[in-house]
PDB file of N, CA and C in Angstrom:
ATOM      1  N   UNK A   1       0.843  -1.180   0.000  1.00  0.00           N
ATOM      2  CA  UNK A   1       0.000   0.000   0.000  1.00  0.00           C
ATOM      3  C   UNK A   1       0.886   1.240   0.000  1.00  0.00           C
ATOM      4  N   UNK A   2       0.538   2.187  -0.819  1.00  0.00           N
ATOM      5  CA  UNK A   2       1.332   3.404  -0.897  1.00  0.00           C
ATOM      6  C   UNK A   2       0.636   4.542  -0.166  1.00  0.00           C
ATOM      7  N   UNK A   3       1.439   5.305   0.544  1.00  0.00           N
ATOM      8  CA  UNK A   3       0.957   6.485   1.245  1.00  0.00           C
ATOM      9  C   UNK A   3       1.821   7.652   0.798  1.00  0.00           C
ATOM     10  N   UNK A   4       1.184   8.674   0.279  1.00  0.00           N
ATOM     11  CA  UNK A   4       1.906   9.850  -0.184  1.00  0.00           C
ATOM     12  C   UNK A   4       1.606  10.998   0.765  1.00  0.00           C
ATOM     13  N   UNK A   5       2.664  11.621   1.273  1.00  0.00           N
ATOM     14  CA  UNK A   5       2.530  12.705   2.239  1.00  0.00           C
ATOM     15  C   UNK A   5       3.226  13.943   1.692  1.00  0.00           C
ATOM     16  N   UNK A   6       2.548  15.066   1.763  1.00  0.00           N
ATOM     17  CA  UNK A   6       3.136  16.348   1.395  1.00  0.00           C
ATOM     18  C   UNK A   6       3.364  17.178   2.648  1.00  0.00           C
ATOM     19  N   UNK A   7       4.498  17.851   2.717  1.00  0.00           N
ATOM     20  CA  UNK A   7       4.806  18.708   3.863  1.00  0.00           C
ATOM     21  C   UNK A   7       5.126  20.098   3.330  1.00  0.00           C
ATOM     22  N   UNK A   8       4.353  21.071   3.784  1.00  0.00           N
ATOM     23  CA  UNK A   8       4.577  22.460   3.411  1.00  0.00           C
ATOM     24  C   UNK A   8       5.194  23.157   4.622  1.00  0.00           C
ATOM     25  N   UNK A   9       6.411  23.620   4.461  1.00  0.00           N
ATOM     26  CA  UNK A   9       7.143  24.260   5.555  1.00  0.00           C
ATOM     27  C   UNK A   9       8.139  23.288   6.157  1.00  0.00           C
ATOM     28  N   UNK A  10       9.418  23.490   5.878  1.00  0.00           N
ATOM     29  CA  UNK A  10      10.456  22.566   6.330  1.00  0.00           C
ATOM     30  C   UNK A  10      11.338  23.264   7.366  1.00  0.00           C
ATOM     31  N   UNK A  11      10.680  23.824   8.374  1.00  0.00           N
ATOM     32  CA  UNK A  11      11.412  24.366   9.517  1.00  0.00           C
ATOM     33  C   UNK A  11      11.654  23.237  10.509  1.00  0.00           C
ATOM     34  N   UNK A  12      11.681  23.556  11.784  1.00  0.00           N
ATOM     35  CA  UNK A  12      11.929  22.520  12.801  1.00  0.00           C
ATOM     36  C   UNK A  12      10.824  21.462  12.804  1.00  0.00           C
ATOM     37  N   UNK A  13       9.571  21.894  12.760  1.00  0.00           N
ATOM     38  CA  UNK A  13       8.457  20.946  12.830  1.00  0.00           C
ATOM     39  C   UNK A  13       8.356  20.121  11.550  1.00  0.00           C
ATOM     40  N   UNK A  14       8.376  20.775  10.401  1.00  0.00           N
ATOM     41  CA  UNK A  14       8.271  20.056   9.133  1.00  0.00           C
ATOM     42  C   UNK A  14       9.398  19.058   8.929  1.00  0.00           C
ATOM     43  N   UNK A  15      10.610  19.452   9.287  1.00  0.00           N
ATOM     44  CA  UNK A  15      11.759  18.552   9.150  1.00  0.00           C
ATOM     45  C   UNK A  15      11.642  17.364  10.106  1.00  0.00           C
ATOM     46  N   UNK A  16      11.153  17.608  11.320  1.00  0.00           N
ATOM     47  CA  UNK A  16      10.987  16.517  12.295  1.00  0.00           C
ATOM     48  C   UNK A  16       9.918  15.533  11.825  1.00  0.00           C
ATOM     49  N   UNK A  17       8.836  16.051  11.276  1.00  0.00           N
ATOM     50  CA  UNK A  17       7.776  15.184  10.746  1.00  0.00           C
ATOM     51  C   UNK A  17       8.327  14.348   9.582  1.00  0.00           C
ATOM     52  N   UNK A  18       9.061  14.988   8.683  1.00  0.00           N
ATOM     53  CA  UNK A  18       9.636  14.273   7.537  1.00  0.00           C
ATOM     54  C   UNK A  18      10.578  13.166   8.001  1.00  0.00           C
ATOM     55  N   UNK A  19      11.435  13.483   8.955  1.00  0.00           N
ATOM     56  CA  UNK A  19      12.379  12.484   9.456  1.00  0.00           C
ATOM     57  C   UNK A  19      11.647  11.313  10.110  1.00  0.00           C
ATOM     58  N   UNK A  20      10.630  11.604  10.908  1.00  0.00           N
ATOM     59  CA  UNK A  20       9.874  10.533  11.568  1.00  0.00           C
ATOM     60  C   UNK A  20       9.179   9.641  10.542  1.00  0.00           C
ATOM     61  N   UNK A  21       8.618  10.244   9.506  1.00  0.00           N
ATOM     62  CA  UNK A  21       7.943   9.450   8.476  1.00  0.00           C
ATOM     63  C   UNK A  21       8.917   8.539   7.739  1.00  0.00           C
ATOM     64  N   UNK A  22      10.121   9.042   7.488  1.00  0.00           N
ATOM     65  CA  UNK A  22      11.127   8.228   6.792  1.00  0.00           C
ATOM     66  C   UNK A  22      11.621   7.099   7.699  1.00  0.00           C
ATOM     67  N   UNK A  23      11.958   7.428   8.943  1.00  0.00           N
ATOM     68  CA  UNK A  23      12.504   6.411   9.844  1.00  0.00           C
ATOM     69  C   UNK A  23      11.489   5.335  10.198  1.00  0.00           C
ATOM     70  N   UNK A  24      10.214   5.702  10.293  1.00  0.00           N
ATOM     71  CA  UNK A  24       9.171   4.727  10.611  1.00  0.00           C
ATOM     72  C   UNK A  24       8.618   4.027   9.370  1.00  0.00           C
ATOM     73  N   UNK A  25       9.101   4.447   8.204  1.00  0.00           N
ATOM     74  CA  UNK A  25       8.616   3.904   6.929  1.00  0.00           C
ATOM     75  C   UNK A  25       7.100   4.055   6.817  1.00  0.00           C
ATOM     76  N   UNK A  26       6.593   5.199   7.276  1.00  0.00           N
ATOM     77  CA  UNK A  26       5.153   5.448   7.288  1.00  0.00           C
ATOM     78  C   UNK A  26       4.632   5.978   5.962  1.00  0.00           C
ATOM     79  N   UNK A  27       5.507   6.405   5.081  1.00  0.00           N
ATOM     80  CA  UNK A  27       5.091   6.933   3.788  1.00  0.00           C
ATOM     81  C   UNK A  27       5.959   6.321   2.698  1.00  0.00           C
ATOM     82  N   UNK A  28       5.341   6.050   1.569  1.00  0.00           N
ATOM     83  CA  UNK A  28       6.124   5.540   0.444  1.00  0.00           C
ATOM     84  C   UNK A  28       6.714   6.690  -0.366  1.00  0.00           C
ATOM     85  N   UNK A  29       6.082   7.867  -0.269  1.00  0.00           N
ATOM     86  CA  UNK A  29       6.576   9.029  -1.000  1.00  0.00           C
ATOM     87  C   UNK A  29       6.334  10.284  -0.166  1.00  0.00           C
ATOM     88  N   UNK A  30       7.347  11.148  -0.093  1.00  0.00           N
ATOM     89  CA  UNK A  30       7.258  12.430   0.596  1.00  0.00           C
ATOM     90  C   UNK A  30       7.494  13.543  -0.410  1.00  0.00           C
ATOM     91  N   UNK A  31       6.665  14.576  -0.337  1.00  0.00           N
ATOM     92  CA  UNK A  31       6.842  15.749  -1.183  1.00  0.00           C
ATOM     93  C   UNK A  31       7.051  16.944  -0.259  1.00  0.00           C
ATOM     94  N   UNK A  32       8.200  17.613  -0.396  1.00  0.00           N
ATOM     95  CA  UNK A  32       8.549  18.725   0.489  1.00  0.00           C
ATOM     96  C   UNK A  32       8.467  20.055  -0.258  1.00  0.00           C
ATOM     97  N   UNK A  33       7.905  21.053   0.419  1.00  0.00           N
ATOM     98  CA  UNK A  33       7.834  22.408  -0.129  1.00  0.00           C
ATOM     99  C   UNK A  33       8.197  23.388   0.973  1.00  0.00           C
ATOM    100  N   UNK A  34       9.059  24.342   0.648  1.00  0.00           N
ATOM    101  CA  UNK A  34       9.399  25.403   1.590  1.00  0.00           C
ATOM    102  C   UNK A  34       9.664  26.683   0.797  1.00  0.00           C
ATOM    103  N   UNK A  35       9.388  27.805   1.422  1.00  0.00           N
ATOM    104  CA  UNK A  35       9.635  29.094   0.757  1.00  0.00           C
ATOM    105  C   UNK A  35      11.108  29.242   0.404  1.00  0.00           C
ATOM    106  N   UNK A  36      11.961  28.664   1.235  1.00  0.00           N
ATOM    107  CA  UNK A  36      13.406  28.634   0.989  1.00  0.00           C
ATOM    108  C   UNK A  36      13.716  27.317   0.262  1.00  0.00           C
ATOM    109  N   UNK A  37      13.767  27.381  -1.057  1.00  0.00           N
ATOM    110  CA  UNK A  37      13.976  26.170  -1.856  1.00  0.00           C
ATOM    111  C   UNK A  37      15.272  25.449  -1.510  1.00  0.00           C
ATOM    112  N   UNK A  38      16.313  26.189  -1.187  1.00  0.00           N
ATOM    113  CA  UNK A  38      17.601  25.564  -0.835  1.00  0.00           C
ATOM    114  C   UNK A  38      17.475  24.750   0.450  1.00  0.00           C
ATOM    115  N   UNK A  39      16.710  25.243   1.410  1.00  0.00           N
ATOM    116  CA  UNK A  39      16.492  24.509   2.668  1.00  0.00           C
ATOM    117  C   UNK A  39      15.743  23.204   2.405  1.00  0.00           C
ATOM    118  N   UNK A  40      14.710  23.276   1.570  1.00  0.00           N
ATOM    119  CA  UNK A  40      13.948  22.066   1.246  1.00  0.00           C
ATOM    120  C   UNK A  40      14.828  21.048   0.523  1.00  0.00           C
ATOM    121  N   UNK A  41      15.659  21.513  -0.396  1.00  0.00           N
ATOM    122  CA  UNK A  41      16.542  20.600  -1.124  1.00  0.00           C
ATOM    123  C   UNK A  41      17.574  19.981  -0.187  1.00  0.00           C
ATOM    124  N   UNK A  42      18.083  20.755   0.750  1.00  0.00           N
ATOM    125  CA  UNK A  42      19.033  20.221   1.732  1.00  0.00           C
ATOM    126  C   UNK A  42      18.377  19.135   2.581  1.00  0.00           C
ATOM    127  N   UNK A  43      17.124  19.323   2.934  1.00  0.00           N
ATOM    128  CA  UNK A  43      16.402  18.309   3.712  1.00  0.00           C
ATOM    129  C   UNK A  43      16.192  17.043   2.878  1.00  0.00           C
ATOM    130  N   UNK A  44      15.936  17.204   1.595  1.00  0.00           N
ATOM    131  CA  UNK A  44      15.816  16.035   0.703  1.00  0.00           C
ATOM    132  C   UNK A  44      17.124  15.246   0.714  1.00  0.00           C
ATOM    133  N   UNK A  45      18.260  15.937   0.646  1.00  0.00           N
ATOM    134  CA  UNK A  45      19.557  15.259   0.684  1.00  0.00           C
ATOM    135  C   UNK A  45      19.770  14.540   2.019  1.00  0.00           C
ATOM    136  N   UNK A  46      19.407  15.185   3.133  1.00  0.00           N
ATOM    137  CA  UNK A  46      19.557  14.561   4.449  1.00  0.00           C
ATOM    138  C   UNK A  46      18.698  13.296   4.555  1.00  0.00           C
ATOM    139  N   UNK A  47      17.468  13.389   4.094  1.00  0.00           N
ATOM    140  CA  UNK A  47      16.576  12.230   4.161  1.00  0.00           C
ATOM    141  C   UNK A  47      17.038  11.118   3.226  1.00  0.00           C
ATOM    142  N   UNK A  48      17.607  11.486   2.101  1.00  0.00           N
ATOM    143  CA  UNK A  48      18.142  10.481   1.180  1.00  0.00           C
ATOM    144  C   UNK A  48      19.297   9.720   1.824  1.00  0.00           C
ATOM    145  N   UNK A  49      20.121  10.413   2.601  1.00  0.00           N
ATOM    146  CA  UNK A  49      21.208   9.738   3.316  1.00  0.00           C
ATOM    147  C   UNK A  49      20.654   8.725   4.315  1.00  0.00           C
ATOM    148  N   UNK A  50      19.595   9.088   5.026  1.00  0.00           N
ATOM    149  CA  UNK A  50      18.976   8.155   5.971  1.00  0.00           C
ATOM    150  C   UNK A  50      18.357   6.974   5.244  1.00  0.00           C
ATOM    151  N   UNK A  51      17.787   7.235   4.088  1.00  0.00           N
ATOM    152  CA  UNK A  51      17.141   6.186   3.296  1.00  0.00           C
ATOM    153  C   UNK A  51      18.105   5.108   2.845  1.00  0.00           C
ATOM    154  N   UNK A  52      19.382   5.446   2.781  1.00  0.00           N
ATOM    155  CA  UNK A  52      20.386   4.491   2.329  1.00  0.00           C
ATOM    156  C   UNK A  52      20.362   3.213   3.169  1.00  0.00           C
ATOM    157  N   UNK A  53      20.046   3.356   4.445  1.00  0.00           N
ATOM    158  CA  UNK A  53      20.077   2.211   5.363  1.00  0.00           C
ATOM    159  C   UNK A  53      18.713   1.563   5.560  1.00  0.00           C
ATOM    160  N   UNK A  54      17.687   2.093   4.899  1.00  0.00           N
ATOM    161  CA  UNK A  54      16.338   1.572   5.066  1.00  0.00           C
ATOM    162  C   UNK A  54      15.858   0.938   3.765  1.00  0.00           C
ATOM    163  N   UNK A  55      15.356  -0.294   3.841  1.00  0.00           N
ATOM    164  CA  UNK A  55      14.815  -0.934   2.648  1.00  0.00           C
ATOM    165  C   UNK A  55      13.428  -1.454   2.965  1.00  0.00           C
ATOM    166  N   UNK A  56      12.433  -1.221   2.196  1.00  0.00           N
ATOM    167  CA  UNK A  56      12.453  -0.251   1.115  1.00  0.00           C
ATOM    168  C   UNK A  56      12.396   1.166   1.673  1.00  0.00           C
ATOM    169  N   UNK A  57      13.041   2.057   0.999  1.00  0.00           N
ATOM    170  CA  UNK A  57      13.098   3.430   1.466  1.00  0.00           C
ATOM    171  C   UNK A  57      11.912   4.258   0.990  1.00  0.00           C
ATOM    172  N   UNK A  58      11.820   5.448   1.534  1.00  0.00           N
ATOM    173  CA  UNK A  58      10.784   6.402   1.142  1.00  0.00           C
ATOM    174  C   UNK A  58      11.323   7.286   0.029  1.00  0.00           C
ATOM    175  N   UNK A  59      10.560   7.435  -1.032  1.00  0.00           N
ATOM    176  CA  UNK A  59      10.952   8.343  -2.113  1.00  0.00           C
ATOM    177  C   UNK A  59      10.682   9.771  -1.644  1.00  0.00           C
ATOM    178  N   UNK A  60      11.702  10.609  -1.666  1.00  0.00           N
ATOM    179  CA  UNK A  60      11.573  11.983  -1.193  1.00  0.00           C
ATOM    180  C   UNK A  60      11.942  12.925  -2.326  1.00  0.00           C
ATOM    181  N   UNK A  61      11.079  13.920  -2.551  1.00  0.00           N
ATOM    182  CA  UNK A  61      11.389  14.922  -3.574  1.00  0.00           C
ATOM    183  C   UNK A  61      10.886  16.277  -3.119  1.00  0.00           C
ATOM    184  N   UNK A  62      11.375  17.289  -3.792  1.00  0.00           N
ATOM    185  CA  UNK A  62      11.042  18.666  -3.485  1.00  0.00           C
ATOM    186  C   UNK A  62      10.294  19.291  -4.654  1.00  0.00           C
ATOM    187  N   UNK A  63       9.354  20.163  -4.343  1.00  0.00           N
ATOM    188  CA  UNK A  63       8.689  20.977  -5.358  1.00  0.00           C
ATOM    189  C   UNK A  63       9.119  22.414  -5.129  1.00  0.00           C
ATOM    190  N   UNK A  64       9.481  23.105  -6.188  1.00  0.00           N
ATOM    191  CA  UNK A  64       9.861  24.518  -6.086  1.00  0.00           C
ATOM    192  C   UNK A  64       8.689  25.323  -5.544  1.00  0.00           C
ATOM    193  N   UNK A  65       8.973  26.268  -4.653  1.00  0.00           N
ATOM    194  CA  UNK A  65       7.934  27.041  -3.979  1.00  0.00           C
ATOM    195  C   UNK A  65       7.072  27.830  -4.956  1.00  0.00           C
ATOM    196  N   UNK A  66       7.679  28.434  -5.949  1.00  0.00           N
ATOM    197  CA  UNK A  66       6.911  29.277  -6.862  1.00  0.00           C
ATOM    198  C   UNK A  66       6.481  28.536  -8.131  1.00  0.00           C
ATOM    199  N   UNK A  67       6.405  27.198  -8.058  1.00  0.00           N
ATOM    200  CA  UNK A  67       5.921  26.414  -9.192  1.00  0.00           C
ATOM    201  C   UNK A  67       4.465  26.016  -8.934  1.00  0.00           C
ATOM    202  N   UNK A  68       3.918  25.265  -9.852  1.00  0.00           N
ATOM    203  CA  UNK A  68       2.554  24.749  -9.706  1.00  0.00           C
ATOM    204  C   UNK A  68       2.569  23.613  -8.677  1.00  0.00           C
ATOM    205  N   UNK A  69       1.722  23.685  -7.694  1.00  0.00           N
ATOM    206  CA  UNK A  69       1.684  22.678  -6.625  1.00  0.00           C
ATOM    207  C   UNK A  69       0.709  21.553  -6.951  1.00  0.00           C
ATOM    208  N   UNK A  70       0.423  21.346  -8.208  1.00  0.00           N
ATOM    209  CA  UNK A  70      -0.561  20.357  -8.646  1.00  0.00           C
ATOM    210  C   UNK A  70      -0.233  18.957  -8.139  1.00  0.00           C
ATOM    211  N   UNK A  71       1.042  18.653  -7.984  1.00  0.00           N
ATOM    212  CA  UNK A  71       1.446  17.314  -7.529  1.00  0.00           C
ATOM    213  C   UNK A  71       0.916  16.988  -6.138  1.00  0.00           C
ATOM    214  N   UNK A  72       0.617  18.017  -5.350  1.00  0.00           N
ATOM    215  CA  UNK A  72       0.079  17.791  -4.017  1.00  0.00           C
ATOM    216  C   UNK A  72      -1.316  17.164  -4.043  1.00  0.00           C
ATOM    217  N   UNK A  73      -1.981  17.235  -5.176  1.00  0.00           N
ATOM    218  CA  UNK A  73      -3.330  16.675  -5.276  1.00  0.00           C
ATOM    219  C   UNK A  73      -3.328  15.158  -5.122  1.00  0.00           C
ATOM    220  N   UNK A  74      -2.185  14.511  -5.322  1.00  0.00           N
ATOM    221  CA  UNK A  74      -2.105  13.058  -5.174  1.00  0.00           C
ATOM    222  C   UNK A  74      -1.808  12.631  -3.740  1.00  0.00           C
ATOM    223  N   UNK A  75      -1.602  13.584  -2.831  1.00  0.00           N
ATOM    224  CA  UNK A  75      -1.234  13.269  -1.449  1.00  0.00           C
ATOM    225  C   UNK A  75      -2.421  12.700  -0.675  1.00  0.00           C
ATOM    226  N   UNK A  76      -2.135  11.697   0.145  1.00  0.00           N
ATOM    227  CA  UNK A  76      -3.134  11.157   1.071  1.00  0.00           C
ATOM    228  C   UNK A  76      -3.227  12.028   2.314  1.00  0.00           C
ATOM    229  N   UNK A  77      -2.092  12.599   2.709  1.00  0.00           N
ATOM    230  CA  UNK A  77      -2.016  13.462   3.887  1.00  0.00           C
ATOM    231  C   UNK A  77      -1.200  14.688   3.516  1.00  0.00           C
ATOM    232  N   UNK A  78      -1.641  15.835   3.977  1.00  0.00           N
ATOM    233  CA  UNK A  78      -0.918  17.092   3.749  1.00  0.00           C
ATOM    234  C   UNK A  78      -0.660  17.745   5.100  1.00  0.00           C
ATOM    235  N   UNK A  79       0.622  17.946   5.419  1.00  0.00           N
ATOM    236  CA  UNK A  79       1.022  18.555   6.691  1.00  0.00           C
ATOM    237  C   UNK A  79       1.358  20.009   6.419  1.00  0.00           C
ATOM    238  N   UNK A  80       0.671  20.909   7.113  1.00  0.00           N
ATOM    239  CA  UNK A  80       0.920  22.349   6.966  1.00  0.00           C
ATOM    240  C   UNK A  80       1.746  22.777   8.173  1.00  0.00           C
ATOM    241  N   UNK A  81       3.053  22.881   7.982  1.00  0.00           N
ATOM    242  CA  UNK A  81       3.968  23.228   9.082  1.00  0.00           C
ATOM    243  C   UNK A  81       4.596  24.591   8.853  1.00  0.00           C
ATOM    244  N   UNK A  82       3.987  25.393   8.019  1.00  0.00           N
ATOM    245  CA  UNK A  82       4.532  26.721   7.704  1.00  0.00           C
ATOM    246  C   UNK A  82       4.073  27.754   8.715  1.00  0.00           C
TER     247      UNK A  82
END
């Protein structure tokens, strides 16, 4: 079963939620969005490093803040941490 989670806002709370979802293998796919695109991309890299030791891992990707957020429509859960 696949669970897709979107997180808007990758500050302390959003990053903690993302990390917990990856470590618990609670989501098959994570979509991260933050006003600071570089911060969101850095979090994707950090989570990818953690995923190296987890099988099967969670697919994590970032959406640019000023792009179309249409991909969020496929999410089962949306976390608003902004």
